Amino acid sequence: MTPSAMIVAGLDVGSGYSKAVLLGAGAEVLGRGVAPTGHDFAAAADKALSQALEEAGATREALGAVMATGYGRANVPLATATRTEIDCHARGAYHHVRRAITVVDIGGQDNKVIRLDARGRRMDFSMNRKCAAGTGAFLEELAFWLRIEPGEMARLAERSTSSEVRIGSYCTVFARTEVLARLREGAKVEDLARAAYESVARRVLETRAMTGEVALTGGVVAHNPHFATILGRVLGAEVLVPPFPQHTGALGAALAALEPTGEDPGT
C-alpha cells in the first residue's frame, strides 16, 4: 500500500458469489459487497466492489491495492495481486479470534479445513474431493428435490423433532434417491432438512478430524446459521461464527493488501 492510498480492497470471487471488503489504513472495515458470480468473473467482482464503495461512500480513485482470491481470482483484471483461498480465509478468520483455531470454510463447490496456531500461522489444511457433497451445492440440490427454497431449509431444520432420519449417501445422485425413499416412508420434510445439514457436517469431519475450537465461515453458515449448531453437535467441538462469515475470504484478501509483502500465515 502506498502512503497516499487510503483504501484497499479484497475480492473473493467464488463459484457461486463474489464478495468485496474495503479496509482503511487501520484495517477498519469501510464497506462490503456481494454479487452472484455467474459466467463473468470480472463483472461479478466489479459489481461487488461497486457495492462496497457505495457503502463506504468512496470512489475508485481512492483505492490502493486490490487483492483477489477465490475460484476466479485469475480472471479479475482490476486486481493488483492475488492470493490463495487458503491464505485469505486463514487471515480473515484469525483477524477475529486471535488464537489457535481450526477454520472450516464451506462454500458452493468445496469445503476447506485449515488449522492455525496461536500466532495465526497455518499448520496444515485439507480440502474435500471434487464432489458436491459437503458443500452448498449439495444443500441446494436437496432443497430443489424437497421443493423448498434453500433459505427455508434452516428454518425447517430448527423445527425437526426426530434425530432418527438420516441421509447416508454423500453423492448427490444417490442422496436424491435416498430422500425420495425417506419421503415414501413418511419422513417429515423438517427432519430431512436437519438430516441434510448433518450429512454435510459428517463430510466435513471426513475431510479432517478436529479438536479444539472451530471457526465456521462461508456462504452456507451466512445463510443457514442453524448449521453452526448442527456442526458443533456432530464434531463435538465449540463452533464460532465470525461476523459476516460469507466475507471472511474477502476480508483476508484485504488484510493481505494492507501488507502486500507481509508474511504468509503458512510460512
Protein backbone atom coordinates (compact mmCIF):
# COMPACT_ATOMS: atom_id res chain seq x y z
CA MET A 1 0.00 0.00 0.00
CA THR A 2 1.40 3.39 -0.98
CA PRO A 3 1.43 6.19 1.58
CA SER A 4 -1.16 8.15 -0.41
CA ALA A 5 -3.64 5.28 -0.73
CA MET A 6 -6.47 5.48 1.79
CA ILE A 7 -8.39 2.30 1.00
CA VAL A 8 -7.55 -1.26 -0.02
CA ALA A 9 -9.94 -3.88 -1.38
CA GLY A 10 -10.20 -7.63 -1.05
CA LEU A 11 -12.19 -9.54 -3.67
CA ASP A 12 -13.23 -13.17 -3.14
CA VAL A 13 -14.51 -14.47 -6.48
CA GLY A 14 -16.25 -17.72 -5.62
CA SER A 15 -18.05 -20.19 -7.85
CA GLY A 16 -21.42 -19.02 -6.56
CA TYR A 17 -20.92 -15.49 -5.28
CA SER A 18 -18.28 -12.78 -5.42
CA LYS A 19 -17.59 -10.76 -2.28
CA ALA A 20 -15.77 -7.48 -1.66
CA VAL A 21 -14.41 -5.89 1.51
CA LEU A 22 -12.87 -2.41 1.78
CA LEU A 23 -10.44 -1.61 4.57
CA GLY A 24 -8.99 1.66 5.75
CA ALA A 25 -5.34 2.08 6.67
CA GLY A 26 -6.06 0.88 10.23
CA ALA A 27 -7.76 -2.32 8.99
CA GLU A 28 -11.20 -0.93 9.79
CA VAL A 29 -13.99 -2.26 7.54
CA LEU A 30 -15.42 0.54 5.43
CA GLY A 31 -17.72 -1.36 3.11
CA ARG A 32 -18.85 -4.78 1.89
CA GLY A 33 -20.48 -6.08 -1.25
CA VAL A 34 -21.72 -9.37 -2.70
CA ALA A 35 -22.98 -10.39 -6.14
CA PRO A 36 -23.79 -13.67 -7.93
CA THR A 37 -20.72 -14.76 -9.88
CA GLY A 38 -22.40 -16.30 -12.91
CA HIS A 39 -20.26 -16.79 -16.02
CA ASP A 40 -18.46 -13.42 -15.95
CA PHE A 41 -15.98 -13.37 -13.04
CA ALA A 42 -14.69 -9.88 -13.79
CA ALA A 43 -18.18 -8.36 -13.96
CA ALA A 44 -19.24 -10.04 -10.72
CA ALA A 45 -16.14 -8.81 -8.89
CA ASP A 46 -16.72 -5.32 -10.27
CA LYS A 47 -20.34 -5.33 -9.07
CA ALA A 48 -19.39 -6.47 -5.56
CA LEU A 49 -16.68 -3.82 -5.42
CA SER A 50 -19.12 -1.11 -6.56
CA GLN A 51 -21.50 -2.07 -3.74
CA ALA A 52 -18.68 -1.88 -1.19
CA LEU A 53 -17.54 1.52 -2.50
CA GLU A 54 -21.09 2.83 -2.33
CA GLU A 55 -21.46 1.64 1.26
CA ALA A 56 -18.13 3.27 2.13
CA GLY A 57 -19.04 6.50 0.33
CA ALA A 58 -15.80 6.22 -1.63
CA THR A 59 -14.68 6.33 -5.24
CA ARG A 60 -12.37 4.05 -7.17
CA GLU A 61 -9.78 6.79 -7.27
CA ALA A 62 -9.30 6.30 -3.51
CA LEU A 63 -8.31 2.64 -3.95
CA GLY A 64 -4.77 1.50 -3.36
CA ALA A 65 -4.07 -2.23 -3.68
CA VAL A 66 -6.81 -4.62 -4.81
CA MET A 67 -6.19 -8.23 -3.78
CA ALA A 68 -8.19 -11.05 -5.40
CA THR A 69 -8.75 -14.56 -4.11
CA GLY A 70 -11.18 -17.41 -4.74
CA TYR A 71 -12.09 -19.65 -7.63
CA GLY A 72 -11.97 -16.85 -10.20
CA ARG A 73 -9.13 -14.75 -8.81
CA ALA A 74 -7.10 -15.01 -12.01
CA ASN A 75 -9.98 -13.53 -14.02
CA VAL A 76 -10.18 -10.13 -12.32
CA PRO A 77 -8.27 -7.51 -14.37
CA LEU A 78 -8.73 -4.78 -11.76
CA ALA A 79 -6.81 -6.81 -9.13
CA THR A 80 -3.25 -5.69 -8.48
CA ALA A 81 -2.31 -9.06 -6.91
CA THR A 82 -3.79 -12.44 -5.98
CA ARG A 83 -3.57 -14.86 -3.06
CA THR A 84 -4.91 -18.34 -2.45
CA GLU A 85 -8.24 -19.00 -0.75
CA ILE A 86 -6.45 -20.94 2.00
CA ASP A 87 -4.27 -17.95 2.85
CA CYS A 88 -7.13 -15.46 2.78
CA HIS A 89 -9.62 -17.50 4.79
CA ALA A 90 -6.91 -18.11 7.39
CA ARG A 91 -6.14 -14.39 7.61
CA GLY A 92 -9.79 -13.37 7.73
CA ALA A 93 -10.77 -15.85 10.45
CA TYR A 94 -7.69 -15.20 12.59
CA HIS A 95 -8.35 -11.47 12.43
CA HIS A 96 -11.45 -12.06 14.59
CA VAL A 97 -10.27 -14.74 17.05
CA ARG A 98 -6.51 -14.10 17.56
CA ARG A 99 -5.79 -17.58 18.93
CA ALA A 100 -5.23 -21.15 17.76
CA ILE A 101 -8.25 -22.21 15.76
CA THR A 102 -9.41 -24.63 13.08
CA VAL A 103 -11.10 -22.75 10.24
CA VAL A 104 -13.85 -24.60 8.39
CA ASP A 105 -14.97 -22.82 5.24
CA ILE A 106 -17.97 -24.28 3.42
CA GLY A 107 -18.58 -22.75 0.03
CA GLY A 108 -20.64 -23.52 -3.01
CA GLN A 109 -18.30 -26.11 -4.55
CA ASP A 110 -15.81 -27.15 -1.85
CA ASN A 111 -15.00 -27.10 1.83
CA LYS A 112 -11.69 -26.28 3.46
CA VAL A 113 -10.32 -27.19 6.87
CA ILE A 114 -7.35 -25.01 7.93
CA ARG A 115 -5.50 -25.38 11.23
CA LEU A 116 -3.84 -22.26 12.64
CA ASP A 117 -1.53 -21.92 15.60
CA ALA A 118 -1.77 -19.22 18.28
CA ARG A 119 0.10 -16.75 16.05
CA GLY A 120 -2.17 -17.35 13.06
CA ARG A 121 0.38 -19.39 11.14
CA ARG A 122 -1.03 -22.18 9.03
CA MET A 123 -0.12 -25.61 10.38
CA ASP A 124 -1.87 -27.63 7.67
CA PHE A 125 -5.05 -27.76 5.61
CA SER A 126 -7.35 -30.18 3.82
CA MET A 127 -9.98 -29.83 1.11
CA ASN A 128 -12.82 -32.11 0.10
CA ARG A 129 -12.59 -34.18 -3.06
CA LYS A 130 -14.02 -32.88 -6.33
CA CYS A 131 -17.57 -33.68 -5.29
CA ALA A 132 -20.58 -31.55 -4.31
CA ALA A 133 -21.10 -33.46 -1.07
CA GLY A 134 -20.25 -31.38 1.97
CA THR A 135 -20.84 -28.10 0.12
CA GLY A 136 -23.54 -25.54 -0.51
CA ALA A 137 -24.30 -27.17 -3.86
CA PHE A 138 -25.33 -30.36 -2.05
CA LEU A 139 -27.80 -28.43 0.12
CA GLU A 140 -29.17 -26.54 -2.89
CA GLU A 141 -29.78 -29.82 -4.73
CA LEU A 142 -31.60 -31.34 -1.76
CA ALA A 143 -33.71 -28.19 -1.35
CA PHE A 144 -34.69 -28.49 -5.01
CA TRP A 145 -35.73 -32.12 -4.59
CA LEU A 146 -37.70 -31.25 -1.45
CA ARG A 147 -39.40 -28.41 -3.36
CA ILE A 148 -38.37 -25.76 -0.85
CA GLU A 149 -36.28 -22.61 -1.11
CA PRO A 150 -32.65 -23.08 0.03
CA GLY A 151 -33.14 -20.34 2.63
CA GLU A 152 -36.12 -22.21 4.09
CA MET A 153 -34.07 -25.32 4.93
CA ALA A 154 -32.51 -23.81 8.05
CA ARG A 155 -35.90 -22.80 9.46
CA LEU A 156 -37.28 -26.26 8.75
CA ALA A 157 -34.26 -27.98 10.33
CA GLU A 158 -34.75 -25.98 13.53
CA ARG A 159 -38.27 -27.43 13.80
CA SER A 160 -37.09 -31.03 13.46
CA THR A 161 -38.27 -33.26 16.30
CA SER A 162 -36.59 -36.53 15.27
CA SER A 163 -32.93 -37.47 15.07
CA GLU A 164 -33.66 -40.86 13.52
CA VAL A 165 -33.90 -39.71 9.90
CA ARG A 166 -30.50 -39.80 8.22
CA ILE A 167 -29.12 -39.23 4.73
CA GLY A 168 -26.26 -41.68 4.44
CA SER A 169 -25.33 -41.04 0.81
CA TYR A 170 -22.68 -38.40 0.16
CA CYS A 171 -23.17 -38.45 -3.60
CA THR A 172 -25.91 -36.03 -4.67
CA VAL A 173 -27.29 -38.53 -7.20
CA PHE A 174 -27.67 -41.28 -4.61
CA ALA A 175 -28.86 -38.79 -1.99
CA ARG A 176 -31.78 -37.85 -4.22
CA THR A 177 -32.89 -41.47 -4.39
CA GLU A 178 -32.48 -41.76 -0.62
CA VAL A 179 -34.52 -38.60 0.04
CA LEU A 180 -37.34 -39.86 -2.16
CA ALA A 181 -37.30 -43.18 -0.32
CA ARG A 182 -37.48 -41.42 3.05
CA LEU A 183 -40.44 -39.35 1.83
CA ARG A 184 -42.26 -42.52 0.76
CA GLU A 185 -41.63 -43.93 4.22
CA GLY A 186 -43.36 -40.91 5.73
CA ALA A 187 -40.37 -38.83 6.88
CA LYS A 188 -41.15 -35.18 7.59
CA VAL A 189 -39.54 -32.50 5.45
CA GLU A 190 -38.12 -30.74 8.52
CA ASP A 191 -36.39 -33.97 9.62
CA LEU A 192 -34.93 -34.40 6.14
CA ALA A 193 -33.68 -30.80 6.22
CA ARG A 194 -31.89 -31.48 9.51
CA ALA A 195 -30.50 -34.72 8.08
CA ALA A 196 -29.15 -32.81 5.06
CA TYR A 197 -27.15 -30.47 7.31
CA GLU A 198 -25.88 -33.40 9.36
CA SER A 199 -24.74 -35.09 6.14
CA VAL A 200 -22.68 -32.02 5.23
CA ALA A 201 -21.25 -31.88 8.76
CA ARG A 202 -20.20 -35.54 8.63
CA ARG A 203 -18.50 -34.94 5.30
CA VAL A 204 -16.55 -32.05 6.83
CA LEU A 205 -15.45 -34.36 9.63
CA GLU A 206 -14.36 -36.88 7.00
CA THR A 207 -12.11 -34.21 5.48
CA ARG A 208 -10.13 -33.95 8.74
CA ALA A 209 -10.59 -34.99 12.37
CA MET A 210 -10.79 -31.85 14.52
CA THR A 211 -10.17 -30.93 18.13
CA GLY A 212 -10.38 -27.61 19.92
CA GLU A 213 -12.26 -24.55 18.75
CA VAL A 214 -13.65 -24.33 15.23
CA ALA A 215 -14.42 -21.13 13.30
CA LEU A 216 -17.07 -21.67 10.63
CA THR A 217 -17.03 -19.39 7.59
CA GLY A 218 -18.60 -19.26 4.15
CA GLY A 219 -21.93 -18.63 2.49
CA VAL A 220 -23.57 -21.77 3.89
CA VAL A 221 -23.43 -20.59 7.50
CA ALA A 222 -24.15 -16.99 6.48
CA HIS A 223 -27.49 -18.03 5.00
CA ASN A 224 -28.10 -21.03 7.28
CA PRO A 225 -26.96 -20.01 10.79
CA HIS A 226 -28.52 -23.10 12.39
CA PHE A 227 -25.85 -25.15 10.62
CA ALA A 228 -23.28 -23.98 13.19
CA THR A 229 -25.29 -25.70 15.93
CA ILE A 230 -25.55 -28.91 13.92
CA LEU A 231 -21.85 -28.90 13.03
CA GLY A 232 -20.91 -28.37 16.67
CA ARG A 233 -23.04 -31.32 17.70
CA VAL A 234 -21.54 -33.61 15.06
CA LEU A 235 -17.96 -32.50 15.73
CA GLY A 236 -18.32 -32.44 19.48
CA ALA A 237 -16.50 -29.09 19.48
CA GLU A 238 -17.34 -25.46 20.08
CA VAL A 239 -18.13 -23.71 16.80
CA LEU A 240 -17.63 -19.96 16.46
CA VAL A 241 -19.08 -17.90 13.62
CA PRO A 242 -17.16 -14.67 12.87
CA PRO A 243 -19.06 -11.53 11.82
CA PHE A 244 -20.15 -11.60 8.16
CA PRO A 245 -18.85 -15.15 7.59
CA GLN A 246 -19.51 -15.03 3.83
CA HIS A 247 -16.96 -12.21 3.56
CA THR A 248 -14.14 -13.89 5.51
CA GLY A 249 -12.08 -14.65 2.39
CA ALA A 250 -12.53 -11.14 1.04
CA LEU A 251 -11.54 -9.73 4.43
CA GLY A 252 -8.38 -11.86 4.40
CA ALA A 253 -7.56 -10.65 0.91
CA ALA A 254 -7.96 -7.03 2.00
CA LEU A 255 -5.76 -7.64 5.05
CA ALA A 256 -3.12 -9.09 2.73
CA ALA A 257 -3.46 -6.00 0.54
CA LEU A 258 -2.56 -3.83 3.52
CA GLU A 259 0.70 -5.77 3.83
CA PRO A 260 1.49 -6.98 0.30
CA THR A 261 4.99 -8.10 1.29
CA GLY A 262 3.95 -9.45 4.68
CA GLU A 263 4.37 -12.99 5.90
CA ASP A 264 2.05 -15.68 4.58
CA PRO A 265 0.32 -17.43 7.54
CA GLY A 266 1.62 -20.73 6.23
CA THR A 267 5.31 -19.80 6.46
